[in-house]
Protein backbone atom coordinates (compact mmCIF):
# COMPACT_ATOMS: atom_id res chain seq x y z
CA MET A 1 -6.98 39.40 -26.30
CA VAL A 2 -6.69 35.61 -26.59
CA ASP A 3 -7.62 32.75 -24.32
CA ALA A 4 -5.35 29.95 -23.11
CA ARG A 5 -5.57 28.06 -26.44
CA GLY A 6 -4.80 31.12 -28.56
CA VAL A 7 -8.37 31.68 -29.69
CA PRO A 8 -8.97 35.41 -30.25
CA LEU A 9 -11.61 36.82 -27.90
CA SER A 10 -11.56 40.50 -28.84
CA LEU A 11 -9.59 42.98 -30.87
CA ILE A 12 -9.27 46.74 -31.20
CA VAL A 13 -7.64 48.52 -34.13
CA THR A 14 -5.70 51.66 -33.22
CA GLY A 15 -3.03 53.77 -34.84
CA ALA A 16 0.56 52.64 -34.76
CA ASN A 17 1.54 55.79 -32.88
CA GLN A 18 -0.65 54.95 -29.85
CA PRO A 19 0.76 52.92 -26.97
CA ASP A 20 -1.03 49.61 -26.45
CA VAL A 21 -1.50 50.21 -22.74
CA THR A 22 -3.90 53.12 -23.41
CA ARG A 23 -6.47 50.75 -24.94
CA ALA A 24 -5.92 47.71 -22.71
CA VAL A 25 -8.93 48.32 -20.44
CA ALA A 26 -11.18 48.91 -23.47
CA LEU A 27 -9.91 45.65 -24.97
CA LEU A 28 -10.77 43.84 -21.76
CA ASP A 29 -14.26 45.35 -21.82
CA CYS A 30 -14.76 44.22 -25.45
CA ALA A 31 -14.54 40.61 -24.31
CA ARG A 32 -17.79 40.95 -22.37
CA ARG A 33 -19.39 37.87 -23.92
CA THR A 34 -16.56 35.65 -22.72
CA PRO A 35 -14.98 37.57 -19.85
CA PRO A 36 -11.98 36.11 -18.07
CA ARG A 37 -13.07 34.21 -14.99
CA ARG A 38 -12.62 35.84 -11.61
CA GLY A 39 -9.25 35.04 -10.16
CA GLY A 40 -7.86 34.48 -13.67
CA VAL A 41 -4.42 35.61 -14.70
CA ILE A 42 -3.87 38.19 -17.44
CA CYS A 43 -0.44 37.85 -19.07
CA ALA A 44 0.98 40.84 -20.94
CA ASP A 45 4.39 42.04 -22.04
CA LYS A 46 6.47 44.93 -20.71
CA GLY A 47 4.64 47.46 -22.84
CA TYR A 48 1.60 47.08 -20.59
CA ASP A 49 3.48 47.87 -17.36
CA SER A 50 1.53 50.67 -15.68
CA ALA A 51 0.02 51.16 -12.26
CA ALA A 52 -3.32 52.22 -13.76
CA LEU A 53 -3.69 48.99 -15.74
CA ARG A 54 -2.65 46.84 -12.78
CA GLY A 55 -5.25 48.59 -10.63
CA ALA A 56 -7.97 48.19 -13.27
CA LEU A 57 -7.23 44.46 -13.53
CA ARG A 58 -7.32 44.01 -9.76
CA THR A 59 -10.68 45.82 -9.47
CA ARG A 60 -12.08 43.31 -11.99
CA GLY A 61 -10.80 40.43 -9.85
CA LEU A 62 -7.98 39.49 -12.25
CA THR A 63 -4.35 38.89 -11.38
CA PRO A 64 -1.90 40.79 -13.60
CA SER A 65 1.18 38.88 -14.71
CA ILE A 66 3.14 41.73 -16.28
CA PRO A 67 6.94 42.01 -16.02
CA HIS A 68 8.31 45.38 -14.97
CA ARG A 69 10.22 47.56 -17.41
CA ALA A 70 13.95 47.91 -16.87
CA ASN A 71 13.62 51.48 -15.65
CA GLN A 72 10.95 50.48 -13.10
CA ARG A 73 12.41 47.20 -11.94
CA ARG A 74 11.08 46.22 -8.54
CA ARG A 75 11.88 42.56 -8.64
CA GLY A 76 14.67 40.90 -10.54
CA ARG A 77 12.61 38.55 -12.72
CA PRO A 78 9.38 38.55 -14.67
CA PRO A 79 6.49 36.67 -13.08
CA PRO A 80 6.60 32.91 -13.74
CA ALA A 81 3.14 32.84 -15.36
CA TYR A 82 4.37 35.34 -17.94
CA ARG A 83 7.16 33.06 -19.08
CA ARG A 84 4.91 30.01 -19.26
CA HIS A 85 1.98 31.52 -21.14
CA ARG A 86 3.26 34.37 -23.32
CA TRP A 87 3.97 32.02 -26.23
CA VAL A 88 0.22 31.61 -26.77
CA VAL A 89 -0.13 35.28 -27.70
CA GLU A 90 2.93 35.14 -29.94
CA ALA A 91 1.53 32.06 -31.71
CA THR A 92 -1.76 33.88 -32.37
CA HIS A 93 0.16 36.82 -33.84
CA GLY A 94 1.97 34.32 -36.06
CA TRP A 95 -1.34 32.88 -37.26
CA LEU A 96 -2.58 36.36 -38.11
CA THR A 97 0.55 37.14 -40.13
CA ARG A 98 -0.10 34.10 -42.31
CA PHE A 99 -2.95 36.05 -43.86
CA ARG A 100 -1.02 38.01 -46.48
CA LYS A 101 -3.61 40.73 -46.79
CA LEU A 102 -3.07 41.57 -43.10
CA LEU A 103 0.72 41.36 -43.08
CA VAL A 104 1.05 44.71 -44.84
CA ARG A 105 -1.94 46.98 -44.47
CA TYR A 106 -3.16 47.71 -47.99
CA GLU A 107 -6.67 48.67 -46.95
CA LYS A 108 -7.29 52.41 -47.00
CA THR A 109 -10.29 52.46 -44.69
CA LEU A 110 -10.42 51.38 -41.08
CA ALA A 111 -13.69 49.52 -41.64
CA GLY A 112 -12.18 47.37 -44.40
CA TYR A 113 -9.10 46.52 -42.36
CA ARG A 114 -11.19 45.71 -39.29
CA ALA A 115 -13.43 43.45 -41.38
CA LEU A 116 -10.42 41.52 -42.68
CA LEU A 117 -9.06 41.17 -39.14
CA GLN A 118 -12.40 39.86 -37.91
CA LEU A 119 -12.56 37.40 -40.81
CA ALA A 120 -9.04 36.15 -40.02
CA CYS A 121 -9.95 35.78 -36.33
CA ALA A 122 -13.11 33.89 -37.28
CA ILE A 123 -11.05 31.48 -39.39
CA ILE A 124 -8.63 30.96 -36.49
CA VAL A 125 -11.55 30.31 -34.13
CA TRP A 126 -13.06 27.86 -36.62
CA ARG A 127 -9.79 25.96 -36.90
CA LYS A 128 -9.17 25.83 -33.14
CA VAL A 129 -12.70 25.21 -31.85
CA GLY A 130 -13.85 23.06 -34.78
CA VAL A 131 -11.24 20.47 -33.86
CA ILE A 132 -12.63 20.24 -30.34
CA TYR A 133 -16.34 20.15 -31.14
CA GLY A 134 -16.49 18.99 -34.72
C-alpha cells in the first residue's frame, strides 16, 4: 500500500500462487499507524475486483476506485480516479525493482526477504520524505 506520493505505507509478503485480493484487507489493517483518511479513495487494479473487498472498504469509510473485470463489466469504463492515480503504484513498483537483490528472489527464508523489502521501503521513504523535510 502506498500513499499519494508513492511512499510505501505497508507491505505483506505472500506466495506467488495466492491472489492479491485475499490479503487486501489485511494489508489495509497493517497501515494502522497511518490509516487512509475517512472519505479517501483507494485505487486498485482489476485483480482486486470483488464484492467482499468493496464492502470492506466501504465499512471503513473509504471509496473504492477499482475497475471491473471484463467478465463482470457493469459499466463501460474504469473509474476516473483509477486512471489518474494508478501510475503512483506502478512507479513505486519500479523503484523496488531497482534493488537488484529484490528483482529476483535469492533469499531462501521469508524473514530475510521481508527484511530486504523493509530496508528497500525505508530507503524509498527516506528519499521521498527527506526531500520534503530535510
